[in-house]
């Protein structure tokens, strides 16, 4: 398996999960377009498109940093056009960019509602739509959404209806587009973590420094994404994947290596259906209890 010579267009790839996926592909010698908003350093969210580009090239890939706000059609079209001009096409589109506000209906003003839905649901739709004509010419085209299974349990909406709507909008793109473009051989899949993932965004929005110890590292998602991209696109599409279950099905047995602090129990993530338990032998408790 290899992504050598493949071109990835990744939204929100200046840090966190998006950057981890980019770096995993770069180790094979892939080309990566970093489509993200951060061009200037932010003390709360370290990393810019330019620092990400440096890391990608040090890892062995070719990088194209592009300032792009996926809320705006002209910016996405420009970013995709620059990617194709530089690398000759697009093989993989990763819809990673996302906005989060875990607030109730009365606490979520319409500006915040619009931001989450514009980035998560609309931005994913727009980015996918813009990449599809180029993906159709690729040998093994994949579109990956960092979004959850479509489990319509009220518990996933209570307390943060607006955010849930926005994230599920990303997953609805998988549901619809995987069927719509099956004849063209373009794969659309969703990947979601079973536990919290240690990123700056999660630290700021939810967990804090102590909570980060109860998370897994971004590597679990980048390893899973790598395996997805190497699947035959015509055969592997329309899937809603949980990271550890998918990895276990593909031969991974050591999940403790992904823990930030093996002595801590793992924090469950939102949106993981009760019908999708951890793989056999995988514990969410402290490592010593596993």
C-alpha atoms as a PDB file:
ATOM      1  CA  UNK A   1       0.000   0.000   0.000  1.00  0.00           C
ATOM      2  CA  UNK A   2       1.262   3.450  -0.866  1.00  0.00           C
ATOM      3  CA  UNK A   3       0.083   6.980  -1.561  1.00  0.00           C
ATOM      4  CA  UNK A   4       3.228   7.867  -3.493  1.00  0.00           C
ATOM      5  CA  UNK A   5       2.459  10.456  -6.154  1.00  0.00           C
ATOM      6  CA  UNK A   6      -1.169  10.844  -5.033  1.00  0.00           C
ATOM      7  CA  UNK A   7      -2.585  14.334  -4.528  1.00  0.00           C
ATOM      8  CA  UNK A   8      -4.681  15.063  -1.440  1.00  0.00           C
ATOM      9  CA  UNK A   9      -6.854  18.150  -1.001  1.00  0.00           C
ATOM     10  CA  UNK A  10      -7.421  18.527   2.763  1.00  0.00           C
ATOM     11  CA  UNK A  11      -9.531  21.202   4.426  1.00  0.00           C
ATOM     12  CA  UNK A  12      -8.423  22.382   7.854  1.00  0.00           C
ATOM     13  CA  UNK A  13      -5.003  20.769   7.429  1.00  0.00           C
ATOM     14  CA  UNK A  14      -2.955  23.397   9.252  1.00  0.00           C
ATOM     15  CA  UNK A  15      -3.145  21.440  12.521  1.00  0.00           C
ATOM     16  CA  UNK A  16      -4.724  18.519  14.347  1.00  0.00           C
ATOM     17  CA  UNK A  17      -6.372  15.643  12.523  1.00  0.00           C
ATOM     18  CA  UNK A  18      -6.095  17.199   9.076  1.00  0.00           C
ATOM     19  CA  UNK A  19      -2.363  17.732   9.465  1.00  0.00           C
ATOM     20  CA  UNK A  20      -1.889  14.202  10.841  1.00  0.00           C
ATOM     21  CA  UNK A  21      -3.578  12.731   7.751  1.00  0.00           C
ATOM     22  CA  UNK A  22      -1.392  14.940   5.569  1.00  0.00           C
ATOM     23  CA  UNK A  23       1.799  13.845   7.310  1.00  0.00           C
ATOM     24  CA  UNK A  24       0.907  10.157   7.025  1.00  0.00           C
ATOM     25  CA  UNK A  25       0.433  10.581   3.277  1.00  0.00           C
ATOM     26  CA  UNK A  26       3.607  12.673   3.007  1.00  0.00           C
ATOM     27  CA  UNK A  27       5.669   9.789   4.378  1.00  0.00           C
ATOM     28  CA  UNK A  28       4.809   7.958   1.136  1.00  0.00           C
ATOM     29  CA  UNK A  29       5.755  10.954  -0.997  1.00  0.00           C
ATOM     30  CA  UNK A  30       2.237  12.286  -1.593  1.00  0.00           C
ATOM     31  CA  UNK A  31       1.299  15.807  -2.675  1.00  0.00           C
ATOM     32  CA  UNK A  32      -0.871  17.729  -0.216  1.00  0.00           C
ATOM     33  CA  UNK A  33      -2.902  20.885  -0.726  1.00  0.00           C
ATOM     34  CA  UNK A  34      -3.443  22.520   2.669  1.00  0.00           C
ATOM     35  CA  UNK A  35      -6.712  24.425   2.351  1.00  0.00           C
ATOM     36  CA  UNK A  36      -7.210  26.308   5.610  1.00  0.00           C
ATOM     37  CA  UNK A  37      -7.808  29.782   7.008  1.00  0.00           C
ATOM     38  CA  UNK A  38      -4.845  30.167   9.331  1.00  0.00           C
ATOM     39  CA  UNK A  39      -2.058  32.162   7.714  1.00  0.00           C
ATOM     40  CA  UNK A  40      -0.996  34.038  10.871  1.00  0.00           C
ATOM     41  CA  UNK A  41      -0.047  32.348  14.179  1.00  0.00           C
ATOM     42  CA  UNK A  42      -2.758  32.067  16.828  1.00  0.00           C
ATOM     43  CA  UNK A  43      -1.621  31.556  20.446  1.00  0.00           C
ATOM     44  CA  UNK A  44      -4.685  29.393  21.202  1.00  0.00           C
ATOM     45  CA  UNK A  45      -4.445  27.300  18.029  1.00  0.00           C
ATOM     46  CA  UNK A  46      -0.811  26.660  17.081  1.00  0.00           C
ATOM     47  CA  UNK A  47       0.053  26.011  13.452  1.00  0.00           C
ATOM     48  CA  UNK A  48      -0.504  27.792  10.141  1.00  0.00           C
ATOM     49  CA  UNK A  49      -0.749  26.609   6.551  1.00  0.00           C
ATOM     50  CA  UNK A  50       2.928  27.520   6.183  1.00  0.00           C
ATOM     51  CA  UNK A  51       4.200  25.612   9.225  1.00  0.00           C
ATOM     52  CA  UNK A  52       2.081  22.668   8.079  1.00  0.00           C
ATOM     53  CA  UNK A  53       3.685  22.856   4.639  1.00  0.00           C
ATOM     54  CA  UNK A  54       7.145  22.749   6.215  1.00  0.00           C
ATOM     55  CA  UNK A  55       6.228  19.646   8.222  1.00  0.00           C
ATOM     56  CA  UNK A  56       4.754  17.914   5.182  1.00  0.00           C
ATOM     57  CA  UNK A  57       7.864  18.531   3.098  1.00  0.00           C
ATOM     58  CA  UNK A  58      10.158  17.393   5.916  1.00  0.00           C
ATOM     59  CA  UNK A  59       8.117  14.185   6.064  1.00  0.00           C
ATOM     60  CA  UNK A  60       8.785  13.541   2.385  1.00  0.00           C
ATOM     61  CA  UNK A  61       5.799  15.044   0.597  1.00  0.00           C
ATOM     62  CA  UNK A  62       5.128  18.054  -1.593  1.00  0.00           C
ATOM     63  CA  UNK A  63       2.977  20.782  -0.043  1.00  0.00           C
ATOM     64  CA  UNK A  64       0.833  23.596  -1.400  1.00  0.00           C
ATOM     65  CA  UNK A  65      -0.406  25.965   1.328  1.00  0.00           C
ATOM     66  CA  UNK A  66      -3.579  27.820   0.299  1.00  0.00           C
ATOM     67  CA  UNK A  67      -5.536  30.333   2.352  1.00  0.00           C
ATOM     68  CA  UNK A  68      -9.110  29.111   1.933  1.00  0.00           C
ATOM     69  CA  UNK A  69     -12.325  29.677   3.853  1.00  0.00           C
ATOM     70  CA  UNK A  70     -14.621  26.887   2.696  1.00  0.00           C
ATOM     71  CA  UNK A  71     -17.689  29.014   3.384  1.00  0.00           C
ATOM     72  CA  UNK A  72     -16.994  30.883   0.150  1.00  0.00           C
ATOM     73  CA  UNK A  73     -17.497  29.251  -3.237  1.00  0.00           C
ATOM     74  CA  UNK A  74     -14.951  31.384  -5.064  1.00  0.00           C
ATOM     75  CA  UNK A  75     -12.236  30.566  -2.527  1.00  0.00           C
ATOM     76  CA  UNK A  76     -12.850  26.827  -2.799  1.00  0.00           C
ATOM     77  CA  UNK A  77     -12.868  26.987  -6.596  1.00  0.00           C
ATOM     78  CA  UNK A  78      -9.617  28.951  -6.541  1.00  0.00           C
ATOM     79  CA  UNK A  79      -7.975  26.508  -4.118  1.00  0.00           C
ATOM     80  CA  UNK A  80      -8.999  23.463  -6.149  1.00  0.00           C
ATOM     81  CA  UNK A  81      -7.825  25.173  -9.332  1.00  0.00           C
ATOM     82  CA  UNK A  82      -4.427  25.932  -7.820  1.00  0.00           C
ATOM     83  CA  UNK A  83      -4.083  22.342  -6.655  1.00  0.00           C
ATOM     84  CA  UNK A  84      -4.817  20.930 -10.095  1.00  0.00           C
ATOM     85  CA  UNK A  85      -2.485  23.447 -11.738  1.00  0.00           C
ATOM     86  CA  UNK A  86       0.347  22.523  -9.379  1.00  0.00           C
ATOM     87  CA  UNK A  87      -0.043  18.749  -9.155  1.00  0.00           C
ATOM     88  CA  UNK A  88      -2.032  17.831 -12.269  1.00  0.00           C
ATOM     89  CA  UNK A  89      -5.166  16.538 -10.572  1.00  0.00           C
ATOM     90  CA  UNK A  90      -6.754  15.432  -7.300  1.00  0.00           C
ATOM     91  CA  UNK A  91      -6.921  11.821  -6.085  1.00  0.00           C
ATOM     92  CA  UNK A  92      -8.267  12.288  -2.555  1.00  0.00           C
ATOM     93  CA  UNK A  93     -10.473  14.919  -0.921  1.00  0.00           C
ATOM     94  CA  UNK A  94     -10.569  15.094   2.877  1.00  0.00           C
ATOM     95  CA  UNK A  95     -13.361  17.131   4.449  1.00  0.00           C
ATOM     96  CA  UNK A  96     -11.839  17.757   7.847  1.00  0.00           C
ATOM     97  CA  UNK A  97     -12.608  21.441   8.544  1.00  0.00           C
ATOM     98  CA  UNK A  98     -15.255  21.812  11.219  1.00  0.00           C
ATOM     99  CA  UNK A  99     -16.707  24.269  13.721  1.00  0.00           C
ATOM    100  CA  UNK A 100     -18.040  23.266  17.127  1.00  0.00           C
ATOM    101  CA  UNK A 101     -20.214  24.881  19.779  1.00  0.00           C
ATOM    102  CA  UNK A 102     -21.690  22.507  22.354  1.00  0.00           C
ATOM    103  CA  UNK A 103     -24.490  24.864  23.319  1.00  0.00           C
ATOM    104  CA  UNK A 104     -28.237  24.488  23.687  1.00  0.00           C
ATOM    105  CA  UNK A 105     -30.807  26.074  21.433  1.00  0.00           C
ATOM    106  CA  UNK A 106     -31.319  29.229  23.520  1.00  0.00           C
ATOM    107  CA  UNK A 107     -27.567  29.646  23.979  1.00  0.00           C
ATOM    108  CA  UNK A 108     -26.752  29.225  20.258  1.00  0.00           C
ATOM    109  CA  UNK A 109     -27.327  32.486  18.421  1.00  0.00           C
ATOM    110  CA  UNK A 110     -27.915  32.455  14.688  1.00  0.00           C
ATOM    111  CA  UNK A 111     -24.410  33.706  13.920  1.00  0.00           C
ATOM    112  CA  UNK A 112     -22.944  30.619  15.587  1.00  0.00           C
ATOM    113  CA  UNK A 113     -25.585  28.370  13.992  1.00  0.00           C
ATOM    114  CA  UNK A 114     -24.756  29.778  10.570  1.00  0.00           C
ATOM    115  CA  UNK A 115     -21.010  29.375  11.147  1.00  0.00           C
ATOM    116  CA  UNK A 116     -21.283  25.692  12.066  1.00  0.00           C
ATOM    117  CA  UNK A 117     -23.612  24.821   9.235  1.00  0.00           C
ATOM    118  CA  UNK A 118     -21.681  26.903   6.701  1.00  0.00           C
ATOM    119  CA  UNK A 119     -18.394  25.163   7.523  1.00  0.00           C
ATOM    120  CA  UNK A 120     -19.516  21.656   8.416  1.00  0.00           C
ATOM    121  CA  UNK A 121     -22.479  20.818   6.186  1.00  0.00           C
ATOM    122  CA  UNK A 122     -22.310  23.406   3.408  1.00  0.00           C
ATOM    123  CA  UNK A 123     -18.504  23.526   3.292  1.00  0.00           C
ATOM    124  CA  UNK A 124     -18.289  19.745   2.961  1.00  0.00           C
ATOM    125  CA  UNK A 125     -20.894  19.767   0.194  1.00  0.00           C
ATOM    126  CA  UNK A 126     -19.159  22.624  -1.618  1.00  0.00           C
ATOM    127  CA  UNK A 127     -15.649  21.174  -1.350  1.00  0.00           C
ATOM    128  CA  UNK A 128     -16.783  17.733  -2.470  1.00  0.00           C
ATOM    129  CA  UNK A 129     -18.788  19.174  -5.361  1.00  0.00           C
ATOM    130  CA  UNK A 130     -15.819  21.230  -6.548  1.00  0.00           C
ATOM    131  CA  UNK A 131     -13.393  18.293  -6.382  1.00  0.00           C
ATOM    132  CA  UNK A 132     -15.649  15.680  -7.999  1.00  0.00           C
ATOM    133  CA  UNK A 133     -14.894  16.544 -11.668  1.00  0.00           C
ATOM    134  CA  UNK A 134     -11.181  16.097 -10.951  1.00  0.00           C
ATOM    135  CA  UNK A 135     -11.666  12.992  -8.808  1.00  0.00           C
ATOM    136  CA  UNK A 136     -13.588  11.401 -11.680  1.00  0.00           C
ATOM    137  CA  UNK A 137     -10.338  11.357 -13.658  1.00  0.00           C
ATOM    138  CA  UNK A 138      -8.286   9.772 -10.856  1.00  0.00           C
ATOM    139  CA  UNK A 139      -7.309   6.104 -10.757  1.00  0.00           C
ATOM    140  CA  UNK A 140      -8.665   5.368  -7.261  1.00  0.00           C
ATOM    141  CA  UNK A 141     -10.583   8.451  -6.053  1.00  0.00           C
ATOM    142  CA  UNK A 142     -11.646   8.822  -2.436  1.00  0.00           C
ATOM    143  CA  UNK A 143     -13.602  11.449  -0.514  1.00  0.00           C
ATOM    144  CA  UNK A 144     -13.413  11.196   3.273  1.00  0.00           C
ATOM    145  CA  UNK A 145     -15.569  13.075   5.749  1.00  0.00           C
ATOM    146  CA  UNK A 146     -14.512  13.365   9.388  1.00  0.00           C
ATOM    147  CA  UNK A 147     -18.088  12.880  10.503  1.00  0.00           C
ATOM    148  CA  UNK A 148     -20.175  10.433  12.531  1.00  0.00           C
ATOM    149  CA  UNK A 149     -22.505   7.520  11.751  1.00  0.00           C
ATOM    150  CA  UNK A 150     -26.096   8.606  11.157  1.00  0.00           C
ATOM    151  CA  UNK A 151     -27.589   7.456  14.456  1.00  0.00           C
ATOM    152  CA  UNK A 152     -30.781   9.458  15.032  1.00  0.00           C
ATOM    153  CA  UNK A 153     -30.916   8.951  18.789  1.00  0.00           C
ATOM    154  CA  UNK A 154     -32.216  12.037  20.639  1.00  0.00           C
ATOM    155  CA  UNK A 155     -29.292  11.843  23.071  1.00  0.00           C
ATOM    156  CA  UNK A 156     -26.947  13.000  20.303  1.00  0.00           C
ATOM    157  CA  UNK A 157     -29.031  16.135  19.725  1.00  0.00           C
ATOM    158  CA  UNK A 158     -30.131  17.097  23.219  1.00  0.00           C
ATOM    159  CA  UNK A 159     -27.906  19.891  24.497  1.00  0.00           C
ATOM    160  CA  UNK A 160     -26.316  20.820  21.151  1.00  0.00           C
ATOM    161  CA  UNK A 161     -28.912  20.501  18.397  1.00  0.00           C
ATOM    162  CA  UNK A 162     -27.236  23.004  16.078  1.00  0.00           C
ATOM    163  CA  UNK A 163     -23.836  21.299  16.229  1.00  0.00           C
ATOM    164  CA  UNK A 164     -25.370  17.856  15.715  1.00  0.00           C
ATOM    165  CA  UNK A 165     -27.290  19.081  12.681  1.00  0.00           C
ATOM    166  CA  UNK A 166     -24.104  20.492  11.188  1.00  0.00           C
ATOM    167  CA  UNK A 167     -22.041  17.329  11.756  1.00  0.00           C
ATOM    168  CA  UNK A 168     -24.795  15.037  10.520  1.00  0.00           C
ATOM    169  CA  UNK A 169     -25.011  17.218   7.426  1.00  0.00           C
ATOM    170  CA  UNK A 170     -21.478  16.093   6.589  1.00  0.00           C
ATOM    171  CA  UNK A 171     -22.522  12.461   6.991  1.00  0.00           C
ATOM    172  CA  UNK A 172     -25.566  12.972   4.794  1.00  0.00           C
ATOM    173  CA  UNK A 173     -23.155  13.948   2.016  1.00  0.00           C
ATOM    174  CA  UNK A 174     -21.597  10.490   2.391  1.00  0.00           C
ATOM    175  CA  UNK A 175     -24.996   8.799   2.301  1.00  0.00           C
ATOM    176  CA  UNK A 176     -26.140  10.623  -0.819  1.00  0.00           C
ATOM    177  CA  UNK A 177     -22.950  11.054  -2.805  1.00  0.00           C
ATOM    178  CA  UNK A 178     -21.742   7.488  -2.335  1.00  0.00           C
ATOM    179  CA  UNK A 179     -24.882   6.331  -4.123  1.00  0.00           C
ATOM    180  CA  UNK A 180     -24.947   9.168  -6.639  1.00  0.00           C
ATOM    181  CA  UNK A 181     -21.367   8.657  -7.833  1.00  0.00           C
ATOM    182  CA  UNK A 182     -21.039   4.885  -7.513  1.00  0.00           C
ATOM    183  CA  UNK A 183     -21.040   4.435 -11.294  1.00  0.00           C
ATOM    184  CA  UNK A 184     -18.154   6.899 -11.580  1.00  0.00           C
ATOM    185  CA  UNK A 185     -16.175   4.849  -9.059  1.00  0.00           C
ATOM    186  CA  UNK A 186     -15.665   7.687  -6.552  1.00  0.00           C
ATOM    187  CA  UNK A 187     -15.670   6.454  -2.955  1.00  0.00           C
ATOM    188  CA  UNK A 188     -17.342   8.509  -0.220  1.00  0.00           C
ATOM    189  CA  UNK A 189     -16.779   7.367   3.366  1.00  0.00           C
ATOM    190  CA  UNK A 190     -17.037   8.788   6.882  1.00  0.00           C
ATOM    191  CA  UNK A 191     -14.523   8.254   9.678  1.00  0.00           C
ATOM    192  CA  UNK A 192     -15.210   9.039  13.325  1.00  0.00           C
ATOM    193  CA  UNK A 193     -13.257   8.504  16.574  1.00  0.00           C
ATOM    194  CA  UNK A 194     -14.606   6.334  19.369  1.00  0.00           C
ATOM    195  CA  UNK A 195     -12.871   8.522  21.966  1.00  0.00           C
ATOM    196  CA  UNK A 196     -11.819  12.101  22.359  1.00  0.00           C
ATOM    197  CA  UNK A 197      -8.819  13.017  20.213  1.00  0.00           C
ATOM    198  CA  UNK A 198      -6.029  15.188  21.609  1.00  0.00           C
ATOM    199  CA  UNK A 199      -6.171  18.353  19.508  1.00  0.00           C
ATOM    200  CA  UNK A 200      -5.914  22.014  20.422  1.00  0.00           C
ATOM    201  CA  UNK A 201      -9.498  22.530  19.303  1.00  0.00           C
ATOM    202  CA  UNK A 202     -10.774  19.866  21.707  1.00  0.00           C
ATOM    203  CA  UNK A 203      -8.638  21.272  24.527  1.00  0.00           C
ATOM    204  CA  UNK A 204     -10.136  24.717  24.031  1.00  0.00           C
ATOM    205  CA  UNK A 205     -13.749  23.683  23.370  1.00  0.00           C
ATOM    206  CA  UNK A 206     -14.246  20.767  25.706  1.00  0.00           C
ATOM    207  CA  UNK A 207     -11.525  18.938  27.565  1.00  0.00           C
ATOM    208  CA  UNK A 208      -8.851  21.299  28.906  1.00  0.00           C
ATOM    209  CA  UNK A 209      -5.350  20.060  29.699  1.00  0.00           C
ATOM    210  CA  UNK A 210      -6.525  17.381  32.121  1.00  0.00           C
ATOM    211  CA  UNK A 211      -9.131  16.104  29.692  1.00  0.00           C
ATOM    212  CA  UNK A 212      -6.484  15.665  27.014  1.00  0.00           C
ATOM    213  CA  UNK A 213      -4.963  12.874  29.112  1.00  0.00           C
ATOM    214  CA  UNK A 214      -8.170  10.902  28.552  1.00  0.00           C
ATOM    215  CA  UNK A 215      -7.874  11.104  24.764  1.00  0.00           C
ATOM    216  CA  UNK A 216      -6.219   9.163  21.992  1.00  0.00           C
ATOM    217  CA  UNK A 217      -3.702  10.774  19.658  1.00  0.00           C
ATOM    218  CA  UNK A 218      -4.417  11.973  16.132  1.00  0.00           C
ATOM    219  CA  UNK A 219      -2.389   9.016  14.833  1.00  0.00           C
ATOM    220  CA  UNK A 220      -5.317   6.636  15.223  1.00  0.00           C
ATOM    221  CA  UNK A 221      -7.263   8.632  12.648  1.00  0.00           C
ATOM    222  CA  UNK A 222      -4.354   9.178  10.265  1.00  0.00           C
ATOM    223  CA  UNK A 223      -3.588   5.441  10.314  1.00  0.00           C
ATOM    224  CA  UNK A 224      -7.242   4.649   9.601  1.00  0.00           C
ATOM    225  CA  UNK A 225      -7.437   7.240   6.810  1.00  0.00           C
ATOM    226  CA  UNK A 226      -4.330   5.782   5.174  1.00  0.00           C
ATOM    227  CA  UNK A 227      -5.969   2.350   5.039  1.00  0.00           C
ATOM    228  CA  UNK A 228      -9.195   3.815   3.646  1.00  0.00           C
ATOM    229  CA  UNK A 229      -7.374   5.602   0.820  1.00  0.00           C
ATOM    230  CA  UNK A 230      -5.730   2.354  -0.213  1.00  0.00           C
ATOM    231  CA  UNK A 231      -9.033   0.508  -0.527  1.00  0.00           C
ATOM    232  CA  UNK A 232     -10.474  -0.010  -4.044  1.00  0.00           C
ATOM    233  CA  UNK A 233     -12.805   2.963  -4.450  1.00  0.00           C
ATOM    234  CA  UNK A 234     -15.419   1.076  -6.478  1.00  0.00           C
ATOM    235  CA  UNK A 235     -15.762  -1.547  -3.758  1.00  0.00           C
ATOM    236  CA  UNK A 236     -15.307   0.464  -0.566  1.00  0.00           C
ATOM    237  CA  UNK A 237     -17.817   3.304  -0.429  1.00  0.00           C
ATOM    238  CA  UNK A 238     -20.766   4.485   1.652  1.00  0.00           C
ATOM    239  CA  UNK A 239     -19.217   3.334   4.936  1.00  0.00           C
ATOM    240  CA  UNK A 240     -19.570   4.991   8.336  1.00  0.00           C
ATOM    241  CA  UNK A 241     -16.433   3.880  10.137  1.00  0.00           C
ATOM    242  CA  UNK A 242     -15.355   4.050  13.782  1.00  0.00           C
ATOM    243  CA  UNK A 243     -11.566   4.325  13.985  1.00  0.00           C
ATOM    244  CA  UNK A 244     -10.651   1.399  16.240  1.00  0.00           C
ATOM    245  CA  UNK A 245     -13.252  -0.991  14.815  1.00  0.00           C
ATOM    246  CA  UNK A 246     -12.018  -0.323  11.277  1.00  0.00           C
ATOM    247  CA  UNK A 247      -8.364  -0.666  12.263  1.00  0.00           C
ATOM    248  CA  UNK A 248      -9.035  -3.911  14.135  1.00  0.00           C
ATOM    249  CA  UNK A 249     -10.775  -5.317  11.059  1.00  0.00           C
ATOM    250  CA  UNK A 250      -7.612  -4.512   9.117  1.00  0.00           C
ATOM    251  CA  UNK A 251      -5.222  -6.302  11.444  1.00  0.00           C
ATOM    252  CA  UNK A 252      -4.311  -3.671  14.061  1.00  0.00           C
ATOM    253  CA  UNK A 253      -4.080  -5.171  17.545  1.00  0.00           C
ATOM    254  CA  UNK A 254      -2.185  -2.577  19.625  1.00  0.00           C
ATOM    255  CA  UNK A 255      -4.463   0.316  20.552  1.00  0.00           C
ATOM    256  CA  UNK A 256      -2.665   1.381  23.733  1.00  0.00           C
ATOM    257  CA  UNK A 257      -0.025   3.076  21.555  1.00  0.00           C
ATOM    258  CA  UNK A 258      -2.659   5.672  20.674  1.00  0.00           C
ATOM    259  CA  UNK A 259      -3.352   6.701  24.277  1.00  0.00           C
ATOM    260  CA  UNK A 260      -2.071  10.088  25.459  1.00  0.00           C
ATOM    261  CA  UNK A 261      -1.801   8.729  29.023  1.00  0.00           C
ATOM    262  CA  UNK A 262      -2.113   4.931  29.331  1.00  0.00           C
ATOM    263  CA  UNK A 263      -2.904   5.228  33.052  1.00  0.00           C
ATOM    264  CA  UNK A 264      -6.129   7.147  32.362  1.00  0.00           C
ATOM    265  CA  UNK A 265      -9.483   5.889  31.185  1.00  0.00           C
ATOM    266  CA  UNK A 266     -10.573   7.087  27.737  1.00  0.00           C
ATOM    267  CA  UNK A 267     -13.238   9.748  27.235  1.00  0.00           C
ATOM    268  CA  UNK A 268     -16.000   8.491  24.920  1.00  0.00           C
ATOM    269  CA  UNK A 269     -16.770  10.710  21.937  1.00  0.00           C
ATOM    270  CA  UNK A 270     -20.194  11.892  20.858  1.00  0.00           C
ATOM    271  CA  UNK A 271     -22.228  10.116  18.185  1.00  0.00           C
ATOM    272  CA  UNK A 272     -20.856   6.558  18.571  1.00  0.00           C
ATOM    273  CA  UNK A 273     -23.907   4.261  18.344  1.00  0.00           C
ATOM    274  CA  UNK A 274     -24.528   1.726  21.101  1.00  0.00           C
ATOM    275  CA  UNK A 275     -24.652  -0.891  18.332  1.00  0.00           C
ATOM    276  CA  UNK A 276     -20.949  -0.270  17.565  1.00  0.00           C
ATOM    277  CA  UNK A 277     -19.042  -1.451  20.683  1.00  0.00           C
ATOM    278  CA  UNK A 278     -15.226  -1.456  20.906  1.00  0.00           C
ATOM    279  CA  UNK A 279     -13.392  -4.278  19.122  1.00  0.00           C
ATOM    280  CA  UNK A 280     -12.842  -7.464  21.071  1.00  0.00           C
ATOM    281  CA  UNK A 281     -10.059  -7.023  23.613  1.00  0.00           C
ATOM    282  CA  UNK A 282     -10.025  -3.220  23.390  1.00  0.00           C
ATOM    283  CA  UNK A 283     -10.745  -1.473  26.692  1.00  0.00           C
ATOM    284  CA  UNK A 284     -11.583   2.174  27.293  1.00  0.00           C
ATOM    285  CA  UNK A 285     -10.384   1.861  30.878  1.00  0.00           C
ATOM    286  CA  UNK A 286      -6.819   2.465  32.089  1.00  0.00           C
ATOM    287  CA  UNK A 287      -4.198   0.328  30.360  1.00  0.00           C
ATOM    288  CA  UNK A 288      -3.530  -1.683  33.520  1.00  0.00           C
ATOM    289  CA  UNK A 289      -7.208  -2.693  33.534  1.00  0.00           C
ATOM    290  CA  UNK A 290      -7.198  -3.744  29.893  1.00  0.00           C
END
